[in-house]
Amino acid sequence: MNKTTSRLLAIAAASLALSFGATAANAQTPPPPAGPSMMHGGPGMHGGHGMHGDFMMGFKKLHDKLSLNAAQEKQWQAALDTMKQNHEAMRKNHEQLKQQFDSMKSQPILDMNALHAAHQQVEQQDAQLREQTSQAWLAFYNGLNDQQKTTVSSALKERFAKMEQRREKMHERWEQHQKGNKGAASAPAQ
């Protein structure tokens, strides 16, 4: 294979990897449904430490503040189990998509239609799983009394405020980076 073909294949693979990577990130970061599951907020449920640890700590703190009765505790556990199972299912969906792409990489011509169809199918399955998770958390939330709903609402508002602060800081850094790039571009070459 010549260098030009290798480069083109690498560019195509990188483009697809970026689109699949974004999809995988979405799978690991389901849009926040109404209810306590929104506590994970931003980048969300990555495996390992970091944001996942923050997410689980936030969940535990909220759980402890709610003083749930037996029926509410059962709904909490059902919603938590649904969320975990669906997250795992989405992870597996994306692993299968990656495996399909990996198996196609050795072909001289990629079947972009097949990749697109597989991607669309995963998107639909993930949307169903996210909706199922949302419904489980809504069922839990709807079983709370007004005081408990106020506790959840306060926690969510606090989380949203932190997310907004992070977003503003990222925007400021981006603007500073852009100004730095313009300054470097307008500086005379020596």
Protein backbone atom coordinates (compact mmCIF):
# COMPACT_ATOMS: atom_id res chain seq x y z
CA MET A 1 0.00 0.00 0.00
CA ASN A 2 1.50 3.36 -0.95
CA LYS A 3 1.86 6.32 1.41
CA THR A 4 -1.05 8.28 -0.08
CA THR A 5 -3.46 5.36 0.29
CA SER A 6 -2.26 4.76 3.84
CA ARG A 7 -2.79 8.41 4.71
CA LEU A 8 -6.27 8.48 3.20
CA LEU A 9 -7.22 5.31 5.05
CA ALA A 10 -5.84 6.76 8.27
CA ILE A 11 -7.82 9.98 7.75
CA ALA A 12 -11.02 8.04 7.04
CA ALA A 13 -10.44 5.81 10.07
CA ALA A 14 -9.75 8.85 12.27
CA SER A 15 -12.92 10.56 11.06
CA LEU A 16 -14.99 7.49 11.80
CA ALA A 17 -13.27 6.98 15.13
CA LEU A 18 -14.10 10.55 16.11
CA SER A 19 -17.75 10.09 15.22
CA PHE A 20 -17.88 6.76 17.05
CA GLY A 21 -15.96 8.25 19.96
CA ALA A 22 -18.51 11.02 20.26
CA THR A 23 -21.24 8.41 20.22
CA ALA A 24 -19.44 6.40 22.88
CA ALA A 25 -19.10 9.51 24.98
CA ASN A 26 -22.83 10.07 24.61
CA ALA A 27 -23.47 6.51 25.64
CA GLN A 28 -21.40 6.98 28.74
CA THR A 29 -22.94 10.35 29.33
CA PRO A 30 -26.63 9.92 28.82
CA PRO A 31 -28.53 13.17 28.71
CA PRO A 32 -29.67 13.95 32.21
CA PRO A 33 -33.23 12.73 32.70
CA ALA A 34 -35.54 14.45 35.13
CA GLY A 35 -35.03 13.27 38.67
CA PRO A 36 -32.06 12.36 40.82
CA SER A 37 -30.07 10.75 38.02
CA MET A 38 -29.30 14.26 36.85
CA MET A 39 -26.84 14.43 39.69
CA HIS A 40 -24.10 13.17 37.39
CA GLY A 41 -24.30 16.34 35.34
CA GLY A 42 -21.44 17.07 32.95
CA PRO A 43 -18.96 14.61 31.58
CA GLY A 44 -20.50 11.99 33.77
CA MET A 45 -20.17 8.27 33.93
CA HIS A 46 -16.68 7.45 32.80
CA GLY A 47 -15.26 4.21 34.04
CA GLY A 48 -12.71 4.28 36.79
CA HIS A 49 -12.18 7.30 38.97
CA GLY A 50 -12.72 11.03 38.60
CA MET A 51 -16.18 12.07 37.49
CA HIS A 52 -17.61 8.61 38.10
CA GLY A 53 -16.46 8.78 41.72
CA ASP A 54 -17.99 12.26 42.07
CA PHE A 55 -21.19 10.96 40.54
CA MET A 56 -21.46 8.04 42.96
CA MET A 57 -20.56 10.21 45.96
CA GLY A 58 -23.25 12.71 44.94
CA PHE A 59 -25.73 9.86 44.65
CA LYS A 60 -24.86 8.50 48.07
CA LYS A 61 -25.10 11.95 49.68
CA LEU A 62 -28.48 12.55 48.09
CA HIS A 63 -29.70 9.10 49.08
CA ASP A 64 -28.65 9.69 52.69
CA LYS A 65 -30.42 13.08 52.83
CA LEU A 66 -33.74 11.70 51.58
CA SER A 67 -34.54 9.34 54.49
CA LEU A 68 -36.44 6.98 52.21
CA ASN A 69 -39.17 4.66 53.43
CA ALA A 70 -39.15 0.99 52.35
CA ALA A 71 -41.23 1.55 49.20
CA GLN A 72 -39.12 4.54 48.14
CA GLU A 73 -35.92 2.61 48.81
CA LYS A 74 -37.18 -0.16 46.55
CA GLN A 75 -37.87 2.37 43.76
CA TRP A 76 -34.43 3.96 44.31
CA GLN A 77 -32.74 0.57 43.96
CA ALA A 78 -34.83 -0.29 40.89
CA ALA A 79 -33.88 3.00 39.22
CA LEU A 80 -30.22 2.59 40.15
CA ASP A 81 -30.18 -0.99 38.85
CA THR A 82 -31.91 0.07 35.62
CA MET A 83 -29.38 2.85 35.13
CA LYS A 84 -26.41 0.54 35.71
CA GLN A 85 -27.79 -2.21 33.45
CA ASN A 86 -28.60 0.23 30.67
CA HIS A 87 -25.20 1.89 30.95
CA GLU A 88 -23.59 -1.54 30.58
CA ALA A 89 -25.84 -2.35 27.59
CA MET A 90 -24.81 0.92 25.92
CA ARG A 91 -21.16 0.17 26.57
CA LYS A 92 -21.59 -3.25 24.94
CA ASN A 93 -23.41 -1.69 21.96
CA HIS A 94 -20.47 0.60 21.34
CA GLU A 95 -17.96 -2.19 21.81
CA GLN A 96 -19.79 -4.19 19.11
CA LEU A 97 -19.75 -1.14 16.83
CA LYS A 98 -16.02 -0.76 17.39
CA GLN A 99 -15.47 -4.45 16.68
CA GLN A 100 -17.45 -4.15 13.44
CA PHE A 101 -15.32 -1.21 12.38
CA ASP A 102 -12.13 -3.03 13.36
CA SER A 103 -13.14 -6.01 11.24
CA MET A 104 -13.79 -3.73 8.26
CA LYS A 105 -10.51 -1.81 8.52
CA SER A 106 -8.62 -4.46 6.60
CA GLN A 107 -10.93 -4.12 3.59
CA PRO A 108 -9.57 -1.92 0.81
CA ILE A 109 -12.94 -0.15 0.51
CA LEU A 110 -14.94 0.61 3.62
CA ASP A 111 -18.65 -0.11 3.49
CA MET A 112 -19.74 3.29 4.75
CA ASN A 113 -23.41 2.40 4.31
CA ALA A 114 -23.06 -0.60 6.64
CA LEU A 115 -21.14 1.50 9.17
CA HIS A 116 -23.77 4.21 9.05
CA ALA A 117 -26.62 1.69 9.45
CA ALA A 118 -24.87 0.08 12.42
CA HIS A 119 -24.26 3.50 13.95
CA GLN A 120 -27.91 4.48 13.52
CA GLN A 121 -29.06 1.22 15.07
CA VAL A 122 -26.85 1.79 18.12
CA GLU A 123 -28.16 5.35 18.43
CA GLN A 124 -31.75 4.09 18.44
CA GLN A 125 -31.00 1.37 20.98
CA ASP A 126 -29.18 3.85 23.21
CA ALA A 127 -32.07 6.32 23.00
CA GLN A 128 -34.44 3.57 24.17
CA LEU A 129 -32.12 2.67 27.04
CA ARG A 130 -31.79 6.32 28.10
CA GLU A 131 -35.57 6.69 28.04
CA GLN A 132 -35.98 3.52 30.11
CA THR A 133 -33.52 4.91 32.66
CA SER A 134 -35.33 8.26 32.72
CA GLN A 135 -38.67 6.55 33.31
CA ALA A 136 -37.23 4.54 36.21
CA TRP A 137 -35.92 7.72 37.87
CA LEU A 138 -39.17 9.57 37.23
CA ALA A 139 -41.08 6.74 38.90
CA PHE A 140 -38.79 7.10 41.91
CA TYR A 141 -39.08 10.91 41.95
CA ASN A 142 -42.86 10.81 41.67
CA GLY A 143 -42.97 8.60 44.79
CA LEU A 144 -41.25 11.24 46.92
CA ASN A 145 -43.03 13.62 49.26
CA ASP A 146 -42.71 17.39 48.81
CA GLN A 147 -39.89 17.73 51.33
CA GLN A 148 -37.88 15.02 49.55
CA LYS A 149 -38.59 16.60 46.16
CA THR A 150 -37.32 19.91 47.55
CA THR A 151 -34.11 18.17 48.65
CA VAL A 152 -33.67 16.66 45.18
CA SER A 153 -34.46 20.01 43.53
CA SER A 154 -31.92 21.83 45.69
CA ALA A 155 -29.25 19.25 44.88
CA LEU A 156 -29.99 19.55 41.15
CA LYS A 157 -29.91 23.34 41.23
CA GLU A 158 -26.54 23.21 43.00
CA ARG A 159 -25.25 20.76 40.40
CA PHE A 160 -26.53 22.90 37.53
CA ALA A 161 -24.78 25.95 39.02
CA LYS A 162 -21.48 24.03 39.19
CA MET A 163 -21.95 22.85 35.61
CA GLU A 164 -22.55 26.44 34.48
CA GLN A 165 -19.40 27.60 36.30
CA ARG A 166 -17.38 24.88 34.57
CA ARG A 167 -18.86 25.83 31.22
CA GLU A 168 -18.01 29.51 31.76
CA LYS A 169 -14.41 28.64 32.74
CA MET A 170 -14.03 26.48 29.65
CA HIS A 171 -15.39 29.31 27.50
CA GLU A 172 -12.95 31.79 29.08
CA ARG A 173 -10.03 29.42 28.44
CA TRP A 174 -11.15 28.97 24.84
CA GLU A 175 -11.33 32.76 24.34
CA GLN A 176 -7.85 33.19 25.84
CA HIS A 177 -6.55 30.44 23.55
CA GLN A 178 -8.14 32.13 20.53
CA LYS A 179 -6.60 35.50 21.46
CA GLY A 180 -3.23 33.80 21.87
CA ASN A 181 -3.50 32.22 18.43
CA LYS A 182 -4.47 35.53 16.79
CA GLY A 183 -1.54 37.27 18.46
CA ALA A 184 0.88 34.64 17.25
CA ALA A 185 -0.55 34.79 13.72
CA SER A 186 -0.25 38.58 13.48
CA ALA A 187 3.32 38.69 14.88
CA PRO A 188 5.87 39.42 12.17
CA ALA A 189 8.03 36.49 11.15
CA GLN A 190 11.75 36.93 11.68
